[in-house]
PDB file of N, CA and C in Angstrom:
ATOM      1  N   MET A   1       0.840  -1.146   0.000  1.00  0.00           N
ATOM      2  CA  MET A   1       0.000   0.000   0.000  1.00  0.00           C
ATOM      3  C   MET A   1       0.901   1.228   0.000  1.00  0.00           C
ATOM      4  N   LEU A   2       0.536   2.200  -0.757  1.00  0.00           N
ATOM      5  CA  LEU A   2       1.253   3.471  -0.812  1.00  0.00           C
ATOM      6  C   LEU A   2       0.283   4.567  -0.407  1.00  0.00           C
ATOM      7  N   LEU A   3       0.664   5.318   0.611  1.00  0.00           N
ATOM      8  CA  LEU A   3      -0.156   6.439   1.059  1.00  0.00           C
ATOM      9  C   LEU A   3       0.533   7.724   0.672  1.00  0.00           C
ATOM     10  N   GLY A   4      -0.215   8.717   0.308  1.00  0.00           N
ATOM     11  CA  GLY A   4       0.383   9.986  -0.074  1.00  0.00           C
ATOM     12  C   GLY A   4      -0.452  11.151   0.403  1.00  0.00           C
ATOM     13  N   GLY A   5       0.067  12.317   0.167  1.00  0.00           N
ATOM     14  CA  GLY A   5      -0.658  13.519   0.550  1.00  0.00           C
ATOM     15  C   GLY A   5       0.281  14.557   1.115  1.00  0.00           C
ATOM     16  N   GLU A   6      -0.309  15.614   1.630  1.00  0.00           N
ATOM     17  CA  GLU A   6       0.474  16.683   2.235  1.00  0.00           C
ATOM     18  C   GLU A   6       1.152  16.160   3.500  1.00  0.00           C
ATOM     19  N   PRO A   7       2.396  16.547   3.724  1.00  0.00           N
ATOM     20  CA  PRO A   7       3.074  16.127   4.959  1.00  0.00           C
ATOM     21  C   PRO A   7       2.368  16.709   6.188  1.00  0.00           C
ATOM     22  N   PHE A   8       2.451  15.980   7.291  1.00  0.00           N
ATOM     23  CA  PHE A   8       1.926  16.500   8.549  1.00  0.00           C
ATOM     24  C   PHE A   8       2.700  17.747   8.935  1.00  0.00           C
ATOM     25  N   GLU A   9       2.034  18.705   9.508  1.00  0.00           N
ATOM     26  CA  GLU A   9       2.696  19.925   9.973  1.00  0.00           C
ATOM     27  C   GLU A   9       3.465  19.672  11.265  1.00  0.00           C
ATOM     28  N   GLU A  10       2.970  18.744  12.092  1.00  0.00           N
ATOM     29  CA  GLU A  10       3.604  18.479  13.376  1.00  0.00           C
ATOM     30  C   GLU A  10       4.447  17.209  13.307  1.00  0.00           C
ATOM     31  N   ASP A  11       5.287  17.023  14.317  1.00  0.00           N
ATOM     32  CA  ASP A  11       6.055  15.789  14.419  1.00  0.00           C
ATOM     33  C   ASP A  11       5.084  14.638  14.672  1.00  0.00           C
ATOM     34  N   ILE A  12       5.405  13.459  14.163  1.00  0.00           N
ATOM     35  CA  ILE A  12       4.539  12.302  14.359  1.00  0.00           C
ATOM     36  C   ILE A  12       5.315  11.179  15.016  1.00  0.00           C
ATOM     37  N   LEU A  13       4.554  10.277  15.587  1.00  0.00           N
ATOM     38  CA  LEU A  13       5.110   9.116  16.252  1.00  0.00           C
ATOM     39  C   LEU A  13       4.514   7.893  15.572  1.00  0.00           C
ATOM     40  N   MET A  14       5.332   6.948  15.175  1.00  0.00           N
ATOM     41  CA  MET A  14       4.845   5.716  14.558  1.00  0.00           C
ATOM     42  C   MET A  14       5.313   4.542  15.401  1.00  0.00           C
ATOM     43  N   TRP A  15       4.388   3.652  15.724  1.00  0.00           N
ATOM     44  CA  TRP A  15       4.717   2.437  16.461  1.00  0.00           C
ATOM     45  C   TRP A  15       3.759   1.350  16.003  1.00  0.00           C
ATOM     46  N   TRP A  16       4.300   0.208  15.628  1.00  0.00           N
ATOM     47  CA  TRP A  16       3.552  -0.913  15.081  1.00  0.00           C
ATOM     48  C   TRP A  16       2.698  -0.405  13.928  1.00  0.00           C
ATOM     49  N   ASN A  17       1.381  -0.545  13.971  1.00  0.00           N
ATOM     50  CA  ASN A  17       0.515  -0.065  12.886  1.00  0.00           C
ATOM     51  C   ASN A  17      -0.190   1.236  13.236  1.00  0.00           C
ATOM     52  N   PHE A  18       0.314   1.943  14.220  1.00  0.00           N
ATOM     53  CA  PHE A  18      -0.357   3.140  14.714  1.00  0.00           C
ATOM     54  C   PHE A  18       0.490   4.379  14.477  1.00  0.00           C
ATOM     55  N   VAL A  19      -0.190   5.478  14.178  1.00  0.00           N
ATOM     56  CA  VAL A  19       0.463   6.778  13.987  1.00  0.00           C
ATOM     57  C   VAL A  19      -0.263   7.776  14.875  1.00  0.00           C
ATOM     58  N   GLY A  20       0.496   8.589  15.593  1.00  0.00           N
ATOM     59  CA  GLY A  20      -0.096   9.613  16.446  1.00  0.00           C
ATOM     60  C   GLY A  20       0.879  10.755  16.645  1.00  0.00           C
ATOM     61  N   ARG A  21       0.451  11.734  17.399  1.00  0.00           N
ATOM     62  CA  ARG A  21       1.325  12.866  17.709  1.00  0.00           C
ATOM     63  C   ARG A  21       2.002  12.696  19.060  1.00  0.00           C
ATOM     64  N   THR A  22       1.427  11.836  19.920  1.00  0.00           N
ATOM     65  CA  THR A  22       1.972  11.641  21.260  1.00  0.00           C
ATOM     66  C   THR A  22       1.950  10.163  21.632  1.00  0.00           C
ATOM     67  N   HIS A  23       2.700   9.841  22.670  1.00  0.00           N
ATOM     68  CA  HIS A  23       2.692   8.489  23.227  1.00  0.00           C
ATOM     69  C   HIS A  23       1.259   8.105  23.614  1.00  0.00           C
ATOM     70  N   GLU A  24       0.550   9.046  24.226  1.00  0.00           N
ATOM     71  CA  GLU A  24      -0.811   8.781  24.692  1.00  0.00           C
ATOM     72  C   GLU A  24      -1.763   8.472  23.534  1.00  0.00           C
ATOM     73  N   GLU A  25      -1.624   9.156  22.416  1.00  0.00           N
ATOM     74  CA  GLU A  25      -2.478   8.869  21.248  1.00  0.00           C
ATOM     75  C   GLU A  25      -2.225   7.459  20.724  1.00  0.00           C
ATOM     76  N   VAL A  26      -0.969   7.059  20.662  1.00  0.00           N
ATOM     77  CA  VAL A  26      -0.636   5.717  20.174  1.00  0.00           C
ATOM     78  C   VAL A  26      -1.122   4.661  21.165  1.00  0.00           C
ATOM     79  N   ALA A  27      -0.940   4.908  22.459  1.00  0.00           N
ATOM     80  CA  ALA A  27      -1.408   3.963  23.477  1.00  0.00           C
ATOM     81  C   ALA A  27      -2.930   3.812  23.402  1.00  0.00           C
ATOM     82  N   GLN A  28      -3.649   4.908  23.164  1.00  0.00           N
ATOM     83  CA  GLN A  28      -5.106   4.846  23.044  1.00  0.00           C
ATOM     84  C   GLN A  28      -5.514   4.071  21.791  1.00  0.00           C
ATOM     85  N   ALA A  29      -4.807   4.270  20.692  1.00  0.00           N
ATOM     86  CA  ALA A  29      -5.103   3.526  19.462  1.00  0.00           C
ATOM     87  C   ALA A  29      -4.906   2.031  19.689  1.00  0.00           C
ATOM     88  N   ARG A  30      -3.832   1.663  20.384  1.00  0.00           N
ATOM     89  CA  ARG A  30      -3.588   0.252  20.689  1.00  0.00           C
ATOM     90  C   ARG A  30      -4.714  -0.309  21.553  1.00  0.00           C
ATOM     91  N   GLU A  31      -5.104   0.452  22.574  1.00  0.00           N
ATOM     92  CA  GLU A  31      -6.183   0.015  23.456  1.00  0.00           C
ATOM     93  C   GLU A  31      -7.484  -0.166  22.671  1.00  0.00           C
ATOM     94  N   ASP A  32      -7.790   0.770  21.790  1.00  0.00           N
ATOM     95  CA  ASP A  32      -8.997   0.674  20.960  1.00  0.00           C
ATOM     96  C   ASP A  32      -8.934  -0.537  20.029  1.00  0.00           C
ATOM     97  N   TRP A  33      -7.765  -0.799  19.449  1.00  0.00           N
ATOM     98  CA  TRP A  33      -7.577  -1.943  18.551  1.00  0.00           C
ATOM     99  C   TRP A  33      -7.853  -3.252  19.290  1.00  0.00           C
ATOM    100  N   GLU A  34      -7.276  -3.380  20.472  1.00  0.00           N
ATOM    101  CA  GLU A  34      -7.458  -4.609  21.241  1.00  0.00           C
ATOM    102  C   GLU A  34      -8.903  -4.754  21.719  1.00  0.00           C
ATOM    103  N   ALA A  35      -9.527  -3.677  22.151  1.00  0.00           N
ATOM    104  CA  ALA A  35     -10.917  -3.733  22.610  1.00  0.00           C
ATOM    105  C   ALA A  35     -11.855  -4.125  21.472  1.00  0.00           C
ATOM    106  N   GLN A  36     -11.551  -3.701  20.268  1.00  0.00           N
ATOM    107  CA  GLN A  36     -12.408  -4.002  19.124  1.00  0.00           C
ATOM    108  C   GLN A  36     -12.424  -5.493  18.820  1.00  0.00           C
ATOM    109  N   ALA A  37     -11.381  -6.217  19.211  1.00  0.00           N
ATOM    110  CA  ALA A  37     -11.330  -7.658  18.961  1.00  0.00           C
ATOM    111  C   ALA A  37     -12.450  -8.391  19.690  1.00  0.00           C
ATOM    112  N   LEU A  38     -12.972  -7.795  20.744  1.00  0.00           N
ATOM    113  CA  LEU A  38     -14.012  -8.433  21.546  1.00  0.00           C
ATOM    114  C   LEU A  38     -15.422  -8.112  21.052  1.00  0.00           C
ATOM    115  N   LEU A  39     -15.528  -7.229  20.067  1.00  0.00           N
ATOM    116  CA  LEU A  39     -16.838  -6.821  19.563  1.00  0.00           C
ATOM    117  C   LEU A  39     -17.387  -7.813  18.545  1.00  0.00           C
ATOM    118  N   SER A  40     -18.691  -7.905  18.489  1.00  0.00           N
ATOM    119  CA  SER A  40     -19.315  -8.685  17.419  1.00  0.00           C
ATOM    120  C   SER A  40     -19.099  -7.944  16.104  1.00  0.00           C
ATOM    121  N   ASP A  41     -19.300  -8.645  15.004  1.00  0.00           N
ATOM    122  CA  ASP A  41     -19.163  -7.998  13.697  1.00  0.00           C
ATOM    123  C   ASP A  41     -20.081  -6.779  13.602  1.00  0.00           C
ATOM    124  N   GLU A  42     -21.295  -6.919  14.106  1.00  0.00           N
ATOM    125  CA  GLU A  42     -22.259  -5.814  14.032  1.00  0.00           C
ATOM    126  C   GLU A  42     -21.747  -4.590  14.786  1.00  0.00           C
ATOM    127  N   ASP A  43     -21.231  -4.789  15.988  1.00  0.00           N
ATOM    128  CA  ASP A  43     -20.709  -3.661  16.770  1.00  0.00           C
ATOM    129  C   ASP A  43     -19.423  -3.105  16.169  1.00  0.00           C
ATOM    130  N   ALA A  44     -18.617  -3.977  15.563  1.00  0.00           N
ATOM    131  CA  ALA A  44     -17.347  -3.535  14.976  1.00  0.00           C
ATOM    132  C   ALA A  44     -17.564  -2.613  13.773  1.00  0.00           C
ATOM    133  N   ARG A  45     -18.698  -2.726  13.125  1.00  0.00           N
ATOM    134  CA  ARG A  45     -18.976  -1.871  11.957  1.00  0.00           C
ATOM    135  C   ARG A  45     -18.872  -0.383  12.299  1.00  0.00           C
ATOM    136  N   ASN A  46     -19.225  -0.017  13.517  1.00  0.00           N
ATOM    137  CA  ASN A  46     -19.216   1.389  13.930  1.00  0.00           C
ATOM    138  C   ASN A  46     -18.028   1.732  14.822  1.00  0.00           C
ATOM    139  N   ALA A  47     -17.110   0.817  14.994  1.00  0.00           N
ATOM    140  CA  ALA A  47     -15.959   1.049  15.868  1.00  0.00           C
ATOM    141  C   ALA A  47     -14.870   1.827  15.126  1.00  0.00           C
ATOM    142  N   ARG A  48     -13.884   2.274  15.861  1.00  0.00           N
ATOM    143  CA  ARG A  48     -12.820   3.130  15.321  1.00  0.00           C
ATOM    144  C   ARG A  48     -12.147   2.547  14.084  1.00  0.00           C
ATOM    145  N   PHE A  49     -11.846   1.249  14.099  1.00  0.00           N
ATOM    146  CA  PHE A  49     -11.090   0.652  13.002  1.00  0.00           C
ATOM    147  C   PHE A  49     -11.962  -0.058  11.979  1.00  0.00           C
ATOM    148  N   GLY A  50     -13.269   0.024  12.154  1.00  0.00           N
ATOM    149  CA  GLY A  50     -14.166  -0.548  11.164  1.00  0.00           C
ATOM    150  C   GLY A  50     -14.234  -2.067  11.202  1.00  0.00           C
ATOM    151  N   TRP A  51     -14.853  -2.623  10.194  1.00  0.00           N
ATOM    152  CA  TRP A  51     -15.095  -4.053  10.113  1.00  0.00           C
ATOM    153  C   TRP A  51     -14.695  -4.540   8.732  1.00  0.00           C
ATOM    154  N   ILE A  52     -14.065  -5.705   8.685  1.00  0.00           N
ATOM    155  CA  ILE A  52     -13.689  -6.322   7.414  1.00  0.00           C
ATOM    156  C   ILE A  52     -14.325  -7.699   7.374  1.00  0.00           C
ATOM    157  N   HIS A  53     -15.104  -7.966   6.341  1.00  0.00           N
ATOM    158  CA  HIS A  53     -15.797  -9.244   6.202  1.00  0.00           C
ATOM    159  C   HIS A  53     -14.813 -10.406   6.341  1.00  0.00           C
ATOM    160  N   GLY A  54     -15.177 -11.373   7.170  1.00  0.00           N
ATOM    161  CA  GLY A  54     -14.352 -12.565   7.346  1.00  0.00           C
ATOM    162  C   GLY A  54     -13.278 -12.432   8.408  1.00  0.00           C
ATOM    163  N   HIS A  55     -13.196 -11.287   9.062  1.00  0.00           N
ATOM    164  CA  HIS A  55     -12.216 -11.078  10.131  1.00  0.00           C
ATOM    165  C   HIS A  55     -12.956 -10.610  11.371  1.00  0.00           C
ATOM    166  N   GLY A  56     -12.773 -11.326  12.449  1.00  0.00           N
ATOM    167  CA  GLY A  56     -13.417 -10.923  13.692  1.00  0.00           C
ATOM    168  C   GLY A  56     -14.041 -12.101  14.398  1.00  0.00           C
ATOM    169  N   PRO A  57     -14.563 -11.885  15.592  1.00  0.00           N
ATOM    170  CA  PRO A  57     -15.080 -12.980  16.415  1.00  0.00           C
ATOM    171  C   PRO A  57     -16.155 -13.810  15.730  1.00  0.00           C
ATOM    172  N   ASP A  58     -17.029 -13.187  14.954  1.00  0.00           N
ATOM    173  CA  ASP A  58     -18.103 -13.941  14.316  1.00  0.00           C
ATOM    174  C   ASP A  58     -17.603 -14.832  13.177  1.00  0.00           C
ATOM    175  N   ALA A  59     -16.363 -14.634  12.730  1.00  0.00           N
ATOM    176  CA  ALA A  59     -15.793 -15.453  11.660  1.00  0.00           C
ATOM    177  C   ALA A  59     -15.135 -16.714  12.214  1.00  0.00           C
ATOM    178  N   GLY A  60     -14.963 -16.786  13.525  1.00  0.00           N
ATOM    179  CA  GLY A  60     -14.337 -17.942  14.150  1.00  0.00           C
ATOM    180  C   GLY A  60     -12.863 -17.700  14.409  1.00  0.00           C
ATOM    181  N   ALA A  61     -12.419 -18.152  15.565  1.00  0.00           N
ATOM    182  CA  ALA A  61     -11.030 -17.978  16.014  1.00  0.00           C
ATOM    183  C   ALA A  61     -10.618 -16.518  15.860  1.00  0.00           C
ATOM    184  N   GLU A  62      -9.405 -16.302  15.459  1.00  0.00           N
ATOM    185  CA  GLU A  62      -8.943 -14.932  15.224  1.00  0.00           C
ATOM    186  C   GLU A  62      -9.162 -14.534  13.773  1.00  0.00           C
ATOM    187  N   ALA A  63      -9.369 -15.499  12.890  1.00  0.00           N
ATOM    188  CA  ALA A  63      -9.664 -15.242  11.481  1.00  0.00           C
ATOM    189  C   ALA A  63      -8.709 -14.238  10.854  1.00  0.00           C
ATOM    190  N   GLY A  64      -7.437 -14.341  11.193  1.00  0.00           N
ATOM    191  CA  GLY A  64      -6.443 -13.496  10.561  1.00  0.00           C
ATOM    192  C   GLY A  64      -6.165 -12.194  11.277  1.00  0.00           C
ATOM    193  N   ARG A  65      -6.877 -11.894  12.346  1.00  0.00           N
ATOM    194  CA  ARG A  65      -6.633 -10.655  13.089  1.00  0.00           C
ATOM    195  C   ARG A  65      -5.276 -10.733  13.774  1.00  0.00           C
ATOM    196  N   ILE A  66      -4.519  -9.667  13.686  1.00  0.00           N
ATOM    197  CA  ILE A  66      -3.204  -9.621  14.320  1.00  0.00           C
ATOM    198  C   ILE A  66      -3.310  -8.777  15.576  1.00  0.00           C
ATOM    199  N   PRO A  67      -3.084  -9.379  16.751  1.00  0.00           N
ATOM    200  CA  PRO A  67      -3.131  -8.578  17.970  1.00  0.00           C
ATOM    201  C   PRO A  67      -1.926  -7.649  18.055  1.00  0.00           C
ATOM    202  N   ALA A  68      -2.125  -6.493  18.642  1.00  0.00           N
ATOM    203  CA  ALA A  68      -1.023  -5.543  18.821  1.00  0.00           C
ATOM    204  C   ALA A  68      -0.103  -6.035  19.934  1.00  0.00           C
ATOM    205  N   PRO A  69       1.193  -5.842  19.780  1.00  0.00           N
ATOM    206  CA  PRO A  69       2.102  -6.210  20.863  1.00  0.00           C
ATOM    207  C   PRO A  69       1.904  -5.273  22.052  1.00  0.00           C
ATOM    208  N   PRO A  70       2.374  -5.672  23.230  1.00  0.00           N
ATOM    209  CA  PRO A  70       2.289  -4.771  24.385  1.00  0.00           C
ATOM    210  C   PRO A  70       3.072  -3.490  24.115  1.00  0.00           C
ATOM    211  N   MET A  71       2.622  -2.412  24.712  1.00  0.00           N
ATOM    212  CA  MET A  71       3.359  -1.154  24.598  1.00  0.00           C
ATOM    213  C   MET A  71       4.725  -1.332  25.256  1.00  0.00           C
ATOM    214  N   PRO A  72       5.755  -0.710  24.698  1.00  0.00           N
ATOM    215  CA  PRO A  72       7.075  -0.809  25.317  1.00  0.00           C
ATOM    216  C   PRO A  72       7.076  -0.124  26.682  1.00  0.00           C
ATOM    217  N   GLY A  73       8.015  -0.498  27.504  1.00  0.00           N
ATOM    218  CA  GLY A  73       8.098   0.051  28.853  1.00  0.00           C
ATOM    219  C   GLY A  73       8.761   1.413  28.920  1.00  0.00           C
ATOM    220  N   VAL A  74       8.829   2.105  27.813  1.00  0.00           N
ATOM    221  CA  VAL A  74       9.432   3.440  27.763  1.00  0.00           C
ATOM    222  C   VAL A  74       8.449   4.398  27.102  1.00  0.00           C
ATOM    223  N   GLN A  75       8.650   5.674  27.321  1.00  0.00           N
ATOM    224  CA  GLN A  75       7.828   6.703  26.680  1.00  0.00           C
ATOM    225  C   GLN A  75       8.232   6.811  25.213  1.00  0.00           C
ATOM    226  N   LEU A  76       7.285   6.663  24.306  1.00  0.00           N
ATOM    227  CA  LEU A  76       7.568   6.814  22.885  1.00  0.00           C
ATOM    228  C   LEU A  76       7.770   8.287  22.570  1.00  0.00           C
ATOM    229  N   LYS A  77       8.693   8.561  21.688  1.00  0.00           N
ATOM    230  CA  LYS A  77       9.042   9.941  21.346  1.00  0.00           C
ATOM    231  C   LYS A  77       8.743  10.183  19.869  1.00  0.00           C
ATOM    232  N   PRO A  78       8.048  11.282  19.555  1.00  0.00           N
ATOM    233  CA  PRO A  78       7.785  11.581  18.143  1.00  0.00           C
ATOM    234  C   PRO A  78       9.076  11.799  17.363  1.00  0.00           C
ATOM    235  N   ARG A  79       9.032  11.437  16.117  1.00  0.00           N
ATOM    236  CA  ARG A  79      10.160  11.678  15.218  1.00  0.00           C
ATOM    237  C   ARG A  79      10.039  13.095  14.688  1.00  0.00           C
ATOM    238  N   SER A  80      11.112  13.829  14.762  1.00  0.00           N
ATOM    239  CA  SER A  80      11.110  15.210  14.290  1.00  0.00           C
ATOM    240  C   SER A  80      11.022  15.246  12.773  1.00  0.00           C
ATOM    241  N   ARG A  81      10.301  16.213  12.250  1.00  0.00           N
ATOM    242  CA  ARG A  81      10.221  16.388  10.795  1.00  0.00           C
ATOM    243  C   ARG A  81      11.551  16.868  10.257  1.00  0.00           C
ATOM    244  N   ASN A  82      12.309  17.579  11.076  1.00  0.00           N
ATOM    245  CA  ASN A  82      13.613  18.097  10.674  1.00  0.00           C
ATOM    246  C   ASN A  82      14.684  17.157  11.215  1.00  0.00           C
ATOM    247  N   ARG A  83      15.080  16.196  10.411  1.00  0.00           N
ATOM    248  CA  ARG A  83      16.021  15.155  10.850  1.00  0.00           C
ATOM    249  C   ARG A  83      17.359  15.744  11.296  1.00  0.00           C
ATOM    250  N   ALA A  84      17.735  16.914  10.805  1.00  0.00           N
ATOM    251  CA  ALA A  84      19.027  17.504  11.153  1.00  0.00           C
ATOM    252  C   ALA A  84      19.079  17.931  12.617  1.00  0.00           C
ATOM    253  N   THR A  85      17.920  18.118  13.266  1.00  0.00           N
ATOM    254  CA  THR A  85      17.914  18.555  14.659  1.00  0.00           C
ATOM    255  C   THR A  85      17.803  17.401  15.632  1.00  0.00           C
ATOM    256  N   ASP A  86      17.651  16.183  15.155  1.00  0.00           N
ATOM    257  CA  ASP A  86      17.546  15.023  16.059  1.00  0.00           C
ATOM    258  C   ASP A  86      18.884  14.679  16.657  1.00  0.00           C
TER     259      ASP A  86
END
C-alpha cells in the first residue's frame, strides 16, 4: 500500500501499525484496537477501526486478526520532521 498527501505539519510518532502525535495517542489507538477484537461484527462496523468481512469474532477464532504487541516500557518519542535537529 502506498499512502500519499500533504506532509503532517507536526512531528509524528509511529509504532507498530499506529500513527499519532503523542505516546498517549498511540497507546489509546492500541487500546482501541485490542478492545475491538471483543466486539461482534455488528458492533465492529461502527468502531474506530471498522469491520472487514471474514475477520473478527463472528468469523471464528482470530480469522487473521493480528493482535497488537504490548506497549514498550518506555515513553515513545515523536520523530522530528527536521532530521538535522535530532
